[in-house]
């Protein structure tokens, strides 16, 4: 059975990339009142061959902790869960947390991780696919979820010099969803 597991890897120390991006969005691009916080994480989707979700989560934990491909325990923390498991719904009121997943159509990092896991690290047919990206989580002060998602798109997708910062739509793909 194919089970997709999501792995999010964050720095233990303050993320200066996220801090700089938040500062630019608030100060230079005019979102001081609406953008309350900005977080960044490395995102991995691991497609695993497993009997059930618990087995897949155990294998994903082993991949995160026993290989050096995803997590350096000296500087990272991580969380993982089955992508098919039901998650809680979005928050019911402001502020809203919005996720923006940024990926590349040519995912060489995911392909290299998959090849290493299937080849030299000996996980063979248990690893079906690996995809990578960057997950930005925006905490937005808005009246409703639709407005928060609109503001998230405005802040992230670069359309001109004074609009958008985190996604270049000419060579990156993205998905916006409530956290």
C-alpha atoms as a PDB file:
ATOM      1  CA  UNK A   1       0.000   0.000   0.000  1.00  0.00           C
ATOM      2  CA  UNK A   2       1.303   3.458  -0.907  1.00  0.00           C
ATOM      3  CA  UNK A   3       1.307   5.909   2.012  1.00  0.00           C
ATOM      4  CA  UNK A   4       2.410   9.545   1.719  1.00  0.00           C
ATOM      5  CA  UNK A   5       4.151  10.958   4.785  1.00  0.00           C
ATOM      6  CA  UNK A   6       4.954  14.649   5.194  1.00  0.00           C
ATOM      7  CA  UNK A   7       8.195  15.638   6.911  1.00  0.00           C
ATOM      8  CA  UNK A   8       8.738  19.248   8.006  1.00  0.00           C
ATOM      9  CA  UNK A   9      12.225  20.248   9.118  1.00  0.00           C
ATOM     10  CA  UNK A  10      12.819  23.505  11.013  1.00  0.00           C
ATOM     11  CA  UNK A  11      15.892  25.140  12.479  1.00  0.00           C
ATOM     12  CA  UNK A  12      16.333  25.035  16.260  1.00  0.00           C
ATOM     13  CA  UNK A  13      17.769  28.553  16.210  1.00  0.00           C
ATOM     14  CA  UNK A  14      15.988  31.641  14.844  1.00  0.00           C
ATOM     15  CA  UNK A  15      15.617  31.408  11.068  1.00  0.00           C
ATOM     16  CA  UNK A  16      17.258  34.559   9.698  1.00  0.00           C
ATOM     17  CA  UNK A  17      15.837  33.925   6.213  1.00  0.00           C
ATOM     18  CA  UNK A  18      12.285  33.961   7.572  1.00  0.00           C
ATOM     19  CA  UNK A  19      13.033  36.957   9.794  1.00  0.00           C
ATOM     20  CA  UNK A  20      14.442  38.932   6.857  1.00  0.00           C
ATOM     21  CA  UNK A  21      11.520  38.016   4.610  1.00  0.00           C
ATOM     22  CA  UNK A  22       9.032  38.999   7.337  1.00  0.00           C
ATOM     23  CA  UNK A  23      10.801  42.339   7.804  1.00  0.00           C
ATOM     24  CA  UNK A  24      10.755  43.029   4.060  1.00  0.00           C
ATOM     25  CA  UNK A  25       7.058  42.155   3.778  1.00  0.00           C
ATOM     26  CA  UNK A  26       6.145  44.304   6.764  1.00  0.00           C
ATOM     27  CA  UNK A  27       8.384  47.308   6.178  1.00  0.00           C
ATOM     28  CA  UNK A  28       9.027  47.484   2.437  1.00  0.00           C
ATOM     29  CA  UNK A  29       5.871  45.946   1.010  1.00  0.00           C
ATOM     30  CA  UNK A  30       3.350  47.492   3.395  1.00  0.00           C
ATOM     31  CA  UNK A  31       2.029  44.498   5.339  1.00  0.00           C
ATOM     32  CA  UNK A  32       2.939  45.690   8.842  1.00  0.00           C
ATOM     33  CA  UNK A  33      -0.684  45.534  10.051  1.00  0.00           C
ATOM     34  CA  UNK A  34      -1.662  42.249   8.397  1.00  0.00           C
ATOM     35  CA  UNK A  35       1.412  39.985   8.597  1.00  0.00           C
ATOM     36  CA  UNK A  36       1.925  39.014  12.232  1.00  0.00           C
ATOM     37  CA  UNK A  37       4.492  36.241  11.761  1.00  0.00           C
ATOM     38  CA  UNK A  38       6.296  34.240   9.076  1.00  0.00           C
ATOM     39  CA  UNK A  39       7.873  30.809   9.513  1.00  0.00           C
ATOM     40  CA  UNK A  40       9.829  28.628   7.097  1.00  0.00           C
ATOM     41  CA  UNK A  41      10.411  24.879   6.991  1.00  0.00           C
ATOM     42  CA  UNK A  42      11.984  22.426   4.588  1.00  0.00           C
ATOM     43  CA  UNK A  43       9.174  20.214   3.304  1.00  0.00           C
ATOM     44  CA  UNK A  44       9.511  16.603   2.191  1.00  0.00           C
ATOM     45  CA  UNK A  45       6.768  14.293   0.931  1.00  0.00           C
ATOM     46  CA  UNK A  46       7.864  10.685   1.257  1.00  0.00           C
ATOM     47  CA  UNK A  47       5.821   8.142  -0.702  1.00  0.00           C
ATOM     48  CA  UNK A  48       6.424   4.837   1.057  1.00  0.00           C
ATOM     49  CA  UNK A  49       5.397   1.240   0.513  1.00  0.00           C
ATOM     50  CA  UNK A  50       3.986   0.051   3.843  1.00  0.00           C
ATOM     51  CA  UNK A  51       1.281  -2.193   5.255  1.00  0.00           C
ATOM     52  CA  UNK A  52      -0.474   0.694   7.020  1.00  0.00           C
ATOM     53  CA  UNK A  53      -0.039   4.310   8.129  1.00  0.00           C
ATOM     54  CA  UNK A  54       1.680   3.429  11.407  1.00  0.00           C
ATOM     55  CA  UNK A  55       4.295   1.333   9.609  1.00  0.00           C
ATOM     56  CA  UNK A  56       4.871   4.175   7.130  1.00  0.00           C
ATOM     57  CA  UNK A  57       5.261   6.691   9.956  1.00  0.00           C
ATOM     58  CA  UNK A  58       7.782   4.367  11.650  1.00  0.00           C
ATOM     59  CA  UNK A  59       9.771   4.070   8.428  1.00  0.00           C
ATOM     60  CA  UNK A  60       9.660   7.853   7.911  1.00  0.00           C
ATOM     61  CA  UNK A  61      10.946   8.371  11.457  1.00  0.00           C
ATOM     62  CA  UNK A  62      13.796   5.968  10.727  1.00  0.00           C
ATOM     63  CA  UNK A  63      14.612   7.834   7.496  1.00  0.00           C
ATOM     64  CA  UNK A  64      14.621  11.175   9.345  1.00  0.00           C
ATOM     65  CA  UNK A  65      16.753   9.985  12.262  1.00  0.00           C
ATOM     66  CA  UNK A  66      19.091   7.382  10.765  1.00  0.00           C
ATOM     67  CA  UNK A  67      20.027   9.022   7.469  1.00  0.00           C
ATOM     68  CA  UNK A  68      21.692  12.371   7.012  1.00  0.00           C
ATOM     69  CA  UNK A  69      19.463  13.362   4.094  1.00  0.00           C
ATOM     70  CA  UNK A  70      16.747  15.308   5.897  1.00  0.00           C
ATOM     71  CA  UNK A  71      17.601  16.179   9.504  1.00  0.00           C
ATOM     72  CA  UNK A  72      20.793  17.225  11.267  1.00  0.00           C
ATOM     73  CA  UNK A  73      19.905  16.633  14.947  1.00  0.00           C
ATOM     74  CA  UNK A  74      22.371  19.313  16.034  1.00  0.00           C
ATOM     75  CA  UNK A  75      20.478  22.077  14.272  1.00  0.00           C
ATOM     76  CA  UNK A  76      17.024  20.812  13.246  1.00  0.00           C
ATOM     77  CA  UNK A  77      13.751  19.686  14.733  1.00  0.00           C
ATOM     78  CA  UNK A  78      11.225  17.788  12.661  1.00  0.00           C
ATOM     79  CA  UNK A  79       7.611  16.689  12.617  1.00  0.00           C
ATOM     80  CA  UNK A  80       5.923  14.097  10.465  1.00  0.00           C
ATOM     81  CA  UNK A  81       2.474  12.694   9.841  1.00  0.00           C
ATOM     82  CA  UNK A  82       0.566  10.735   7.301  1.00  0.00           C
ATOM     83  CA  UNK A  83      -0.592  12.998   4.497  1.00  0.00           C
ATOM     84  CA  UNK A  84      -3.749  10.904   4.188  1.00  0.00           C
ATOM     85  CA  UNK A  85      -4.702  11.335   7.859  1.00  0.00           C
ATOM     86  CA  UNK A  86      -7.448  13.802   8.598  1.00  0.00           C
ATOM     87  CA  UNK A  87      -6.096  17.047   9.988  1.00  0.00           C
ATOM     88  CA  UNK A  88      -8.008  19.527  12.072  1.00  0.00           C
ATOM     89  CA  UNK A  89      -9.755  22.264  10.142  1.00  0.00           C
ATOM     90  CA  UNK A  90      -8.447  25.796   9.847  1.00  0.00           C
ATOM     91  CA  UNK A  91      -8.751  28.137  12.785  1.00  0.00           C
ATOM     92  CA  UNK A  92     -12.189  29.694  13.150  1.00  0.00           C
ATOM     93  CA  UNK A  93     -11.119  33.291  13.589  1.00  0.00           C
ATOM     94  CA  UNK A  94      -8.326  35.803  13.267  1.00  0.00           C
ATOM     95  CA  UNK A  95      -5.448  35.580  13.150  1.00  0.00           C
ATOM     96  CA  UNK A  96      -5.358  32.951  10.398  1.00  0.00           C
ATOM     97  CA  UNK A  97      -2.424  30.663   9.638  1.00  0.00           C
ATOM     98  CA  UNK A  98      -1.900  30.126   5.915  1.00  0.00           C
ATOM     99  CA  UNK A  99       0.577  27.638   4.415  1.00  0.00           C
ATOM    100  CA  UNK A 100       2.308  28.334   1.120  1.00  0.00           C
ATOM    101  CA  UNK A 101       4.159  25.323  -0.288  1.00  0.00           C
ATOM    102  CA  UNK A 102       6.766  26.324  -2.876  1.00  0.00           C
ATOM    103  CA  UNK A 103       8.092  23.586  -5.162  1.00  0.00           C
ATOM    104  CA  UNK A 104      10.127  23.349  -8.330  1.00  0.00           C
ATOM    105  CA  UNK A 105       8.844  21.489 -11.415  1.00  0.00           C
ATOM    106  CA  UNK A 106      12.299  19.951 -11.765  1.00  0.00           C
ATOM    107  CA  UNK A 107      12.768  18.590  -8.244  1.00  0.00           C
ATOM    108  CA  UNK A 108      16.414  17.508  -8.391  1.00  0.00           C
ATOM    109  CA  UNK A 109      16.724  17.544  -4.594  1.00  0.00           C
ATOM    110  CA  UNK A 110      13.818  15.110  -4.198  1.00  0.00           C
ATOM    111  CA  UNK A 111      15.106  12.895  -6.995  1.00  0.00           C
ATOM    112  CA  UNK A 112      18.593  12.776  -5.446  1.00  0.00           C
ATOM    113  CA  UNK A 113      17.199  11.890  -2.010  1.00  0.00           C
ATOM    114  CA  UNK A 114      15.033   9.149  -3.519  1.00  0.00           C
ATOM    115  CA  UNK A 115      17.973   7.701  -5.458  1.00  0.00           C
ATOM    116  CA  UNK A 116      20.175   7.709  -2.338  1.00  0.00           C
ATOM    117  CA  UNK A 117      17.487   6.016  -0.227  1.00  0.00           C
ATOM    118  CA  UNK A 118      16.725   3.364  -2.831  1.00  0.00           C
ATOM    119  CA  UNK A 119      20.375   2.768  -3.730  1.00  0.00           C
ATOM    120  CA  UNK A 120      23.275   3.249  -1.355  1.00  0.00           C
ATOM    121  CA  UNK A 121      21.176   3.442   1.816  1.00  0.00           C
ATOM    122  CA  UNK A 122      19.387   0.174   1.056  1.00  0.00           C
ATOM    123  CA  UNK A 123      15.702   1.064   1.391  1.00  0.00           C
ATOM    124  CA  UNK A 124      14.976  -0.308  -2.096  1.00  0.00           C
ATOM    125  CA  UNK A 125      11.318  -0.666  -2.999  1.00  0.00           C
ATOM    126  CA  UNK A 126      10.075   0.678   0.354  1.00  0.00           C
ATOM    127  CA  UNK A 127      10.693   4.253  -0.896  1.00  0.00           C
ATOM    128  CA  UNK A 128       8.557   4.964  -3.961  1.00  0.00           C
ATOM    129  CA  UNK A 129       9.107   8.696  -4.382  1.00  0.00           C
ATOM    130  CA  UNK A 130      10.478  11.770  -2.601  1.00  0.00           C
ATOM    131  CA  UNK A 131       9.414  15.366  -3.289  1.00  0.00           C
ATOM    132  CA  UNK A 132      10.880  18.487  -1.714  1.00  0.00           C
ATOM    133  CA  UNK A 133       9.894  22.098  -1.242  1.00  0.00           C
ATOM    134  CA  UNK A 134       9.823  25.031   1.131  1.00  0.00           C
ATOM    135  CA  UNK A 135       6.809  25.547   3.361  1.00  0.00           C
ATOM    136  CA  UNK A 136       6.102  29.120   4.436  1.00  0.00           C
ATOM    137  CA  UNK A 137       3.516  29.625   7.185  1.00  0.00           C
ATOM    138  CA  UNK A 138       2.059  33.120   7.390  1.00  0.00           C
ATOM    139  CA  UNK A 139       0.088  34.334  10.404  1.00  0.00           C
ATOM    140  CA  UNK A 140      -2.287  36.924   8.986  1.00  0.00           C
ATOM    141  CA  UNK A 141      -4.677  39.342  10.643  1.00  0.00           C
ATOM    142  CA  UNK A 142      -7.761  39.349   8.396  1.00  0.00           C
ATOM    143  CA  UNK A 143     -11.549  39.482   8.724  1.00  0.00           C
ATOM    144  CA  UNK A 144     -12.126  36.021   7.250  1.00  0.00           C
ATOM    145  CA  UNK A 145     -10.303  33.051   5.745  1.00  0.00           C
ATOM    146  CA  UNK A 146     -10.909  34.119   2.130  1.00  0.00           C
ATOM    147  CA  UNK A 147      -9.322  37.514   2.798  1.00  0.00           C
ATOM    148  CA  UNK A 148      -6.392  35.850   4.600  1.00  0.00           C
ATOM    149  CA  UNK A 149      -5.749  33.554   1.616  1.00  0.00           C
ATOM    150  CA  UNK A 150      -5.968  36.538  -0.767  1.00  0.00           C
ATOM    151  CA  UNK A 151      -3.454  38.480   1.347  1.00  0.00           C
ATOM    152  CA  UNK A 152      -1.170  35.428   1.507  1.00  0.00           C
ATOM    153  CA  UNK A 153      -1.162  35.208  -2.295  1.00  0.00           C
ATOM    154  CA  UNK A 154      -0.475  38.942  -2.562  1.00  0.00           C
ATOM    155  CA  UNK A 155       2.449  38.683  -0.129  1.00  0.00           C
ATOM    156  CA  UNK A 156       4.046  35.590  -1.575  1.00  0.00           C
ATOM    157  CA  UNK A 157       3.662  35.555  -5.375  1.00  0.00           C
ATOM    158  CA  UNK A 158       6.061  38.007  -7.005  1.00  0.00           C
ATOM    159  CA  UNK A 159       4.104  39.955  -9.595  1.00  0.00           C
ATOM    160  CA  UNK A 160       6.040  43.213  -9.584  1.00  0.00           C
ATOM    161  CA  UNK A 161       8.699  45.012  -7.546  1.00  0.00           C
ATOM    162  CA  UNK A 162       6.291  46.048  -4.791  1.00  0.00           C
ATOM    163  CA  UNK A 163       4.104  42.935  -4.685  1.00  0.00           C
ATOM    164  CA  UNK A 164       5.088  39.444  -3.571  1.00  0.00           C
ATOM    165  CA  UNK A 165       8.351  38.048  -2.286  1.00  0.00           C
ATOM    166  CA  UNK A 166       8.454  34.302  -1.658  1.00  0.00           C
ATOM    167  CA  UNK A 167       7.471  32.705  -4.984  1.00  0.00           C
ATOM    168  CA  UNK A 168       8.724  33.374  -8.503  1.00  0.00           C
ATOM    169  CA  UNK A 169       5.839  32.116 -10.669  1.00  0.00           C
ATOM    170  CA  UNK A 170       8.093  31.916 -13.745  1.00  0.00           C
ATOM    171  CA  UNK A 171       9.963  28.869 -12.465  1.00  0.00           C
ATOM    172  CA  UNK A 172       8.297  27.759  -9.223  1.00  0.00           C
ATOM    173  CA  UNK A 173       4.990  26.096  -8.434  1.00  0.00           C
ATOM    174  CA  UNK A 174       3.023  26.888  -5.283  1.00  0.00           C
ATOM    175  CA  UNK A 175      -0.075  25.901  -3.334  1.00  0.00           C
ATOM    176  CA  UNK A 176      -1.856  28.064  -0.771  1.00  0.00           C
ATOM    177  CA  UNK A 177      -4.026  26.518   1.948  1.00  0.00           C
ATOM    178  CA  UNK A 178      -5.209  27.242   5.464  1.00  0.00           C
ATOM    179  CA  UNK A 179      -2.971  25.665   8.099  1.00  0.00           C
END
